[in-house]
Amino acid sequence: MEGARKAKGFTYEELGEKVGFNAVYMASVFDGQQYVPPEKADEIASLLGLAGEDVKTLSQYPYKGNVDPVIYRLQEIVDVYGPSIKEVIHEKFGDGIMSAIDFSLEVKKEEDPAGDRVVIILNGKFLPYKVF
């Protein structure tokens, strides 16, 4: 895509103006750090003479590396609440762990007038530590 942009002589600012993005956002699209709605991806593809896989990759949800906001927040939840969750597990089950092998995970959407909610269910078998 970068080669096509340069071959067509577009700066990020010029290309961004044509599709409604600012220059920095447009450059970030080319770095694979932004989701582009399919209709905007088609506009970019048309301007650059692209088709097929190049267009599809524009509309994939990006993984934003070690600072991906979703992953960061999940890590923050474990950092903040992990010790408390551990204590409650021990209080309810005894000394042991929750399996991540005999395990399932579910993500649900809960509609809420104040803003939709993300519901994450972690379902792991309790494995007591063996006394020997």
N, C-alpha and C. Protein backbone atom coordinates (compact mmCIF):
# COMPACT_ATOMS: atom_id res chain seq x y z
N MET A 1 0.82 -1.19 0.00
CA MET A 1 0.00 0.00 0.00
C MET A 1 0.87 1.26 0.00
N GLU A 2 1.94 1.21 0.78
CA GLU A 2 2.82 2.37 0.84
C GLU A 2 3.41 2.66 -0.54
N GLY A 3 3.79 1.59 -1.25
CA GLY A 3 4.33 1.76 -2.60
C GLY A 3 3.31 2.38 -3.54
N ALA A 4 2.05 1.96 -3.41
CA ALA A 4 0.99 2.51 -4.26
C ALA A 4 0.75 3.98 -3.94
N ARG A 5 0.80 4.33 -2.66
CA ARG A 5 0.60 5.74 -2.26
C ARG A 5 1.70 6.61 -2.86
N LYS A 6 2.94 6.15 -2.74
CA LYS A 6 4.06 6.93 -3.27
C LYS A 6 4.02 7.00 -4.79
N ALA A 7 3.65 5.88 -5.43
CA ALA A 7 3.58 5.85 -6.90
C ALA A 7 2.53 6.82 -7.42
N LYS A 8 1.44 6.98 -6.66
CA LYS A 8 0.38 7.91 -7.07
C LYS A 8 0.71 9.35 -6.66
N GLY A 9 1.76 9.53 -5.87
CA GLY A 9 2.21 10.87 -5.49
C GLY A 9 1.42 11.52 -4.38
N PHE A 10 0.68 10.73 -3.60
CA PHE A 10 -0.11 11.28 -2.51
C PHE A 10 0.74 11.46 -1.26
N THR A 11 0.57 12.59 -0.58
CA THR A 11 1.07 12.71 0.79
C THR A 11 -0.04 12.14 1.67
N TYR A 12 0.30 11.89 2.93
CA TYR A 12 -0.74 11.41 3.86
C TYR A 12 -1.84 12.46 4.00
N GLU A 13 -1.45 13.72 4.00
CA GLU A 13 -2.42 14.80 4.14
C GLU A 13 -3.37 14.83 2.94
N GLU A 14 -2.82 14.73 1.73
CA GLU A 14 -3.66 14.77 0.52
C GLU A 14 -4.62 13.58 0.48
N LEU A 15 -4.10 12.41 0.76
CA LEU A 15 -4.95 11.22 0.74
C LEU A 15 -6.00 11.29 1.84
N GLY A 16 -5.58 11.73 3.02
CA GLY A 16 -6.52 11.86 4.13
C GLY A 16 -7.64 12.83 3.84
N GLU A 17 -7.32 13.95 3.20
CA GLU A 17 -8.35 14.94 2.85
C GLU A 17 -9.40 14.33 1.93
N LYS A 18 -8.97 13.48 1.02
CA LYS A 18 -9.91 12.88 0.06
C LYS A 18 -10.88 11.90 0.72
N VAL A 19 -10.46 11.29 1.84
CA VAL A 19 -11.33 10.30 2.49
C VAL A 19 -11.86 10.75 3.85
N GLY A 20 -11.45 11.96 4.30
CA GLY A 20 -11.97 12.49 5.55
C GLY A 20 -11.16 12.15 6.79
N PHE A 21 -9.88 11.83 6.63
CA PHE A 21 -8.99 11.57 7.76
C PHE A 21 -7.92 12.66 7.80
N ASN A 22 -7.39 12.95 8.99
CA ASN A 22 -6.27 13.88 9.01
C ASN A 22 -4.98 13.13 8.67
N ALA A 23 -3.89 13.85 8.46
CA ALA A 23 -2.64 13.26 7.98
C ALA A 23 -2.09 12.22 8.95
N VAL A 24 -2.13 12.50 10.24
CA VAL A 24 -1.57 11.56 11.21
C VAL A 24 -2.40 10.28 11.26
N TYR A 25 -3.72 10.43 11.25
CA TYR A 25 -4.58 9.25 11.25
C TYR A 25 -4.32 8.43 9.99
N MET A 26 -4.19 9.11 8.85
CA MET A 26 -3.95 8.41 7.58
C MET A 26 -2.63 7.65 7.63
N ALA A 27 -1.58 8.27 8.16
CA ALA A 27 -0.29 7.58 8.29
C ALA A 27 -0.43 6.38 9.21
N SER A 28 -1.22 6.52 10.26
CA SER A 28 -1.44 5.43 11.20
C SER A 28 -2.18 4.27 10.54
N VAL A 29 -3.07 4.59 9.61
CA VAL A 29 -3.74 3.54 8.81
C VAL A 29 -2.68 2.73 8.06
N PHE A 30 -1.74 3.42 7.44
CA PHE A 30 -0.69 2.74 6.67
C PHE A 30 0.26 1.95 7.56
N ASP A 31 0.34 2.33 8.83
CA ASP A 31 1.16 1.58 9.78
C ASP A 31 0.41 0.39 10.37
N GLY A 32 -0.86 0.21 9.96
CA GLY A 32 -1.64 -0.92 10.45
C GLY A 32 -2.21 -0.72 11.84
N GLN A 33 -2.32 0.52 12.28
CA GLN A 33 -2.76 0.80 13.63
C GLN A 33 -4.20 1.30 13.74
N GLN A 34 -4.93 1.37 12.62
CA GLN A 34 -6.29 1.88 12.65
C GLN A 34 -7.23 0.99 11.86
N TYR A 35 -8.46 0.89 12.36
CA TYR A 35 -9.53 0.23 11.63
C TYR A 35 -10.11 1.24 10.65
N VAL A 36 -10.35 0.80 9.43
CA VAL A 36 -10.95 1.66 8.41
C VAL A 36 -12.28 1.03 8.01
N PRO A 37 -13.41 1.75 8.16
CA PRO A 37 -14.69 1.20 7.74
C PRO A 37 -14.63 0.78 6.27
N PRO A 38 -15.34 -0.29 5.90
CA PRO A 38 -15.25 -0.81 4.53
C PRO A 38 -15.48 0.23 3.44
N GLU A 39 -16.42 1.16 3.64
CA GLU A 39 -16.68 2.16 2.59
C GLU A 39 -15.47 3.09 2.41
N LYS A 40 -14.80 3.44 3.52
CA LYS A 40 -13.59 4.26 3.43
C LYS A 40 -12.44 3.46 2.82
N ALA A 41 -12.37 2.17 3.16
CA ALA A 41 -11.33 1.30 2.59
C ALA A 41 -11.48 1.23 1.08
N ASP A 42 -12.73 1.14 0.62
CA ASP A 42 -12.98 1.12 -0.83
C ASP A 42 -12.54 2.43 -1.48
N GLU A 43 -12.78 3.57 -0.81
CA GLU A 43 -12.34 4.86 -1.35
C GLU A 43 -10.82 4.91 -1.47
N ILE A 44 -10.13 4.48 -0.41
CA ILE A 44 -8.66 4.47 -0.43
C ILE A 44 -8.16 3.55 -1.53
N ALA A 45 -8.76 2.37 -1.63
CA ALA A 45 -8.35 1.40 -2.65
C ALA A 45 -8.53 1.98 -4.04
N SER A 46 -9.64 2.65 -4.27
CA SER A 46 -9.91 3.25 -5.58
C SER A 46 -8.88 4.33 -5.91
N LEU A 47 -8.58 5.17 -4.93
CA LEU A 47 -7.60 6.24 -5.15
C LEU A 47 -6.20 5.70 -5.43
N LEU A 48 -5.87 4.55 -4.83
CA LEU A 48 -4.53 4.00 -4.99
C LEU A 48 -4.44 2.88 -6.02
N GLY A 49 -5.61 2.50 -6.59
CA GLY A 49 -5.61 1.42 -7.57
C GLY A 49 -5.37 0.06 -6.94
N LEU A 50 -5.87 -0.15 -5.74
CA LEU A 50 -5.70 -1.41 -5.02
C LEU A 50 -6.97 -2.24 -5.08
N ALA A 51 -6.83 -3.53 -4.84
CA ALA A 51 -7.99 -4.42 -4.78
C ALA A 51 -7.65 -5.63 -3.91
N GLY A 52 -8.65 -6.45 -3.68
CA GLY A 52 -8.44 -7.73 -3.00
C GLY A 52 -7.97 -7.61 -1.57
N GLU A 53 -6.90 -8.35 -1.25
CA GLU A 53 -6.40 -8.45 0.12
C GLU A 53 -5.98 -7.11 0.72
N ASP A 54 -5.44 -6.22 -0.11
CA ASP A 54 -5.04 -4.90 0.40
C ASP A 54 -6.23 -4.16 0.99
N VAL A 55 -7.36 -4.26 0.34
CA VAL A 55 -8.56 -3.58 0.82
C VAL A 55 -9.07 -4.25 2.09
N LYS A 56 -9.06 -5.59 2.12
CA LYS A 56 -9.55 -6.32 3.30
C LYS A 56 -8.71 -6.00 4.54
N THR A 57 -7.41 -5.87 4.37
CA THR A 57 -6.56 -5.61 5.54
C THR A 57 -6.85 -4.26 6.16
N LEU A 58 -7.31 -3.30 5.37
CA LEU A 58 -7.64 -1.99 5.92
C LEU A 58 -8.79 -2.06 6.92
N SER A 59 -9.71 -3.01 6.71
CA SER A 59 -10.89 -3.11 7.56
C SER A 59 -10.78 -4.20 8.62
N GLN A 60 -9.57 -4.67 8.89
CA GLN A 60 -9.37 -5.60 9.99
C GLN A 60 -9.12 -4.79 11.25
N TYR A 61 -9.61 -5.31 12.38
CA TYR A 61 -9.38 -4.62 13.65
C TYR A 61 -7.92 -4.81 14.02
N PRO A 62 -7.20 -3.72 14.25
CA PRO A 62 -5.75 -3.82 14.47
C PRO A 62 -5.39 -4.27 15.87
N TYR A 63 -4.26 -4.94 15.95
CA TYR A 63 -3.63 -5.24 17.23
C TYR A 63 -2.61 -4.13 17.45
N LYS A 64 -2.79 -3.38 18.49
CA LYS A 64 -1.97 -2.18 18.69
C LYS A 64 -0.77 -2.44 19.59
N GLY A 65 -0.17 -3.60 19.42
CA GLY A 65 1.07 -3.91 20.12
C GLY A 65 0.91 -4.01 21.62
N ASN A 66 2.01 -3.80 22.33
CA ASN A 66 2.02 -3.94 23.78
C ASN A 66 1.17 -2.91 24.49
N VAL A 67 0.76 -1.88 23.79
CA VAL A 67 -0.06 -0.85 24.43
C VAL A 67 -1.48 -0.85 23.87
N ASP A 68 -1.91 -1.98 23.29
CA ASP A 68 -3.28 -2.07 22.80
C ASP A 68 -4.22 -1.74 23.97
N PRO A 69 -5.11 -0.77 23.79
CA PRO A 69 -5.95 -0.31 24.91
C PRO A 69 -6.80 -1.41 25.54
N VAL A 70 -7.33 -2.32 24.75
CA VAL A 70 -8.16 -3.39 25.31
C VAL A 70 -7.31 -4.31 26.17
N ILE A 71 -6.17 -4.73 25.64
CA ILE A 71 -5.29 -5.63 26.39
C ILE A 71 -4.74 -4.94 27.63
N TYR A 72 -4.39 -3.68 27.50
CA TYR A 72 -3.88 -2.93 28.65
C TYR A 72 -4.92 -2.89 29.77
N ARG A 73 -6.17 -2.64 29.42
CA ARG A 73 -7.23 -2.56 30.44
C ARG A 73 -7.46 -3.92 31.09
N LEU A 74 -7.39 -5.00 30.30
CA LEU A 74 -7.54 -6.33 30.89
C LEU A 74 -6.40 -6.61 31.87
N GLN A 75 -5.18 -6.23 31.51
CA GLN A 75 -4.05 -6.40 32.42
C GLN A 75 -4.23 -5.54 33.67
N GLU A 76 -4.75 -4.33 33.48
CA GLU A 76 -4.99 -3.45 34.62
C GLU A 76 -6.01 -4.07 35.58
N ILE A 77 -7.05 -4.69 35.03
CA ILE A 77 -8.06 -5.33 35.87
C ILE A 77 -7.41 -6.41 36.73
N VAL A 78 -6.56 -7.24 36.11
CA VAL A 78 -5.88 -8.30 36.86
C VAL A 78 -4.92 -7.69 37.89
N ASP A 79 -4.20 -6.64 37.51
CA ASP A 79 -3.28 -5.99 38.45
C ASP A 79 -4.02 -5.44 39.66
N VAL A 80 -5.17 -4.81 39.42
CA VAL A 80 -5.91 -4.16 40.51
C VAL A 80 -6.71 -5.18 41.32
N TYR A 81 -7.43 -6.08 40.63
CA TYR A 81 -8.35 -6.98 41.32
C TYR A 81 -7.83 -8.40 41.50
N GLY A 82 -6.73 -8.75 40.85
CA GLY A 82 -6.20 -10.11 40.93
C GLY A 82 -5.99 -10.61 42.35
N PRO A 83 -5.29 -9.84 43.20
CA PRO A 83 -5.10 -10.31 44.57
C PRO A 83 -6.42 -10.53 45.32
N SER A 84 -7.39 -9.66 45.09
CA SER A 84 -8.70 -9.80 45.75
C SER A 84 -9.44 -11.02 45.22
N ILE A 85 -9.39 -11.23 43.91
CA ILE A 85 -10.04 -12.41 43.31
C ILE A 85 -9.40 -13.67 43.88
N LYS A 86 -8.07 -13.68 43.98
CA LYS A 86 -7.34 -14.82 44.54
C LYS A 86 -7.83 -15.11 45.96
N GLU A 87 -7.96 -14.07 46.79
CA GLU A 87 -8.40 -14.27 48.17
C GLU A 87 -9.82 -14.84 48.23
N VAL A 88 -10.70 -14.34 47.37
CA VAL A 88 -12.08 -14.84 47.36
C VAL A 88 -12.11 -16.29 46.88
N ILE A 89 -11.30 -16.64 45.87
CA ILE A 89 -11.23 -18.04 45.41
C ILE A 89 -10.78 -18.93 46.57
N HIS A 90 -9.74 -18.53 47.30
CA HIS A 90 -9.27 -19.33 48.44
C HIS A 90 -10.33 -19.43 49.52
N GLU A 91 -11.04 -18.34 49.76
CA GLU A 91 -12.08 -18.34 50.78
C GLU A 91 -13.21 -19.30 50.42
N LYS A 92 -13.58 -19.35 49.15
CA LYS A 92 -14.70 -20.19 48.72
C LYS A 92 -14.31 -21.64 48.42
N PHE A 93 -13.07 -21.86 47.94
CA PHE A 93 -12.68 -23.18 47.46
C PHE A 93 -11.57 -23.83 48.28
N GLY A 94 -10.79 -23.05 48.98
CA GLY A 94 -9.62 -23.59 49.67
C GLY A 94 -8.36 -23.25 48.90
N ASP A 95 -7.27 -23.95 49.25
CA ASP A 95 -5.97 -23.68 48.65
C ASP A 95 -5.86 -24.37 47.30
N GLY A 96 -5.76 -23.61 46.24
CA GLY A 96 -5.66 -24.18 44.90
C GLY A 96 -5.69 -23.08 43.86
N ILE A 97 -5.90 -23.51 42.62
CA ILE A 97 -5.90 -22.57 41.50
C ILE A 97 -7.09 -22.81 40.59
N MET A 98 -7.35 -21.85 39.73
CA MET A 98 -8.34 -22.01 38.68
C MET A 98 -7.59 -22.45 37.43
N SER A 99 -8.03 -23.55 36.84
CA SER A 99 -7.37 -24.08 35.65
C SER A 99 -7.56 -23.16 34.46
N ALA A 100 -6.50 -23.03 33.67
CA ALA A 100 -6.60 -22.35 32.38
C ALA A 100 -6.54 -23.38 31.26
N ILE A 101 -6.58 -24.67 31.63
CA ILE A 101 -6.61 -25.76 30.65
C ILE A 101 -8.02 -26.31 30.57
N ASP A 102 -8.61 -26.68 31.72
CA ASP A 102 -10.01 -27.08 31.77
C ASP A 102 -10.78 -25.78 31.99
N PHE A 103 -10.99 -25.06 30.90
CA PHE A 103 -11.34 -23.65 30.98
C PHE A 103 -12.17 -23.24 29.78
N SER A 104 -13.07 -22.30 29.99
CA SER A 104 -13.76 -21.66 28.87
C SER A 104 -13.86 -20.16 29.16
N LEU A 105 -14.03 -19.42 28.10
CA LEU A 105 -14.08 -17.97 28.20
C LEU A 105 -15.18 -17.48 27.28
N GLU A 106 -15.95 -16.53 27.76
CA GLU A 106 -17.04 -16.00 26.95
C GLU A 106 -17.08 -14.49 27.09
N VAL A 107 -17.33 -13.81 25.98
CA VAL A 107 -17.49 -12.36 25.98
C VAL A 107 -18.90 -12.07 25.48
N LYS A 108 -19.64 -11.32 26.27
CA LYS A 108 -21.02 -10.98 25.91
C LYS A 108 -21.19 -9.46 25.90
N LYS A 109 -22.18 -9.04 25.17
CA LYS A 109 -22.56 -7.63 25.14
C LYS A 109 -23.85 -7.48 25.92
N GLU A 110 -23.86 -6.56 26.87
CA GLU A 110 -25.05 -6.27 27.65
C GLU A 110 -25.47 -4.84 27.33
N GLU A 111 -26.63 -4.71 26.72
CA GLU A 111 -27.10 -3.38 26.35
C GLU A 111 -27.54 -2.63 27.61
N ASP A 112 -27.17 -1.36 27.67
CA ASP A 112 -27.44 -0.53 28.83
C ASP A 112 -27.68 0.89 28.33
N PRO A 113 -28.75 1.55 28.76
CA PRO A 113 -29.03 2.91 28.31
C PRO A 113 -27.89 3.89 28.61
N ALA A 114 -27.11 3.61 29.63
CA ALA A 114 -26.00 4.50 29.98
C ALA A 114 -24.73 4.17 29.20
N GLY A 115 -24.79 3.16 28.34
CA GLY A 115 -23.63 2.72 27.56
C GLY A 115 -23.50 1.21 27.63
N ASP A 116 -23.36 0.59 26.49
CA ASP A 116 -23.27 -0.87 26.45
C ASP A 116 -22.13 -1.37 27.32
N ARG A 117 -22.32 -2.57 27.88
CA ARG A 117 -21.37 -3.15 28.83
C ARG A 117 -20.71 -4.39 28.22
N VAL A 118 -19.46 -4.59 28.56
CA VAL A 118 -18.72 -5.79 28.17
C VAL A 118 -18.79 -6.74 29.36
N VAL A 119 -19.26 -7.97 29.12
CA VAL A 119 -19.34 -8.97 30.17
C VAL A 119 -18.38 -10.09 29.79
N ILE A 120 -17.40 -10.35 30.64
CA ILE A 120 -16.41 -11.39 30.39
C ILE A 120 -16.59 -12.47 31.46
N ILE A 121 -16.78 -13.71 31.01
CA ILE A 121 -16.95 -14.83 31.93
C ILE A 121 -15.75 -15.75 31.79
N LEU A 122 -15.02 -15.92 32.89
CA LEU A 122 -13.91 -16.87 32.95
C LEU A 122 -14.42 -18.08 33.73
N ASN A 123 -14.38 -19.26 33.13
CA ASN A 123 -14.93 -20.45 33.75
C ASN A 123 -13.86 -21.53 33.78
N GLY A 124 -13.18 -21.65 34.92
CA GLY A 124 -12.11 -22.63 35.03
C GLY A 124 -12.36 -23.60 36.17
N LYS A 125 -11.96 -24.83 35.95
CA LYS A 125 -12.08 -25.86 36.98
C LYS A 125 -11.16 -25.51 38.15
N PHE A 126 -11.66 -25.70 39.37
CA PHE A 126 -10.81 -25.48 40.54
C PHE A 126 -9.93 -26.70 40.74
N LEU A 127 -8.65 -26.46 40.91
CA LEU A 127 -7.68 -27.53 41.13
C LEU A 127 -7.02 -27.32 42.49
N PRO A 128 -7.40 -28.15 43.48
CA PRO A 128 -6.78 -27.98 44.80
C PRO A 128 -5.33 -28.44 44.77
N TYR A 129 -4.52 -27.75 45.57
CA TYR A 129 -3.13 -28.20 45.73
C TYR A 129 -3.13 -29.50 46.51
N LYS A 130 -2.29 -30.41 46.11
CA LYS A 130 -2.18 -31.71 46.74
C LYS A 130 -1.24 -31.61 47.95
N VAL A 131 -1.67 -32.19 49.04
CA VAL A 131 -0.82 -32.26 50.22
C VAL A 131 -0.09 -33.59 50.17
N PHE A 132 1.22 -33.58 50.36
CA PHE A 132 1.97 -34.85 50.31
C PHE A 132 3.05 -34.88 51.36
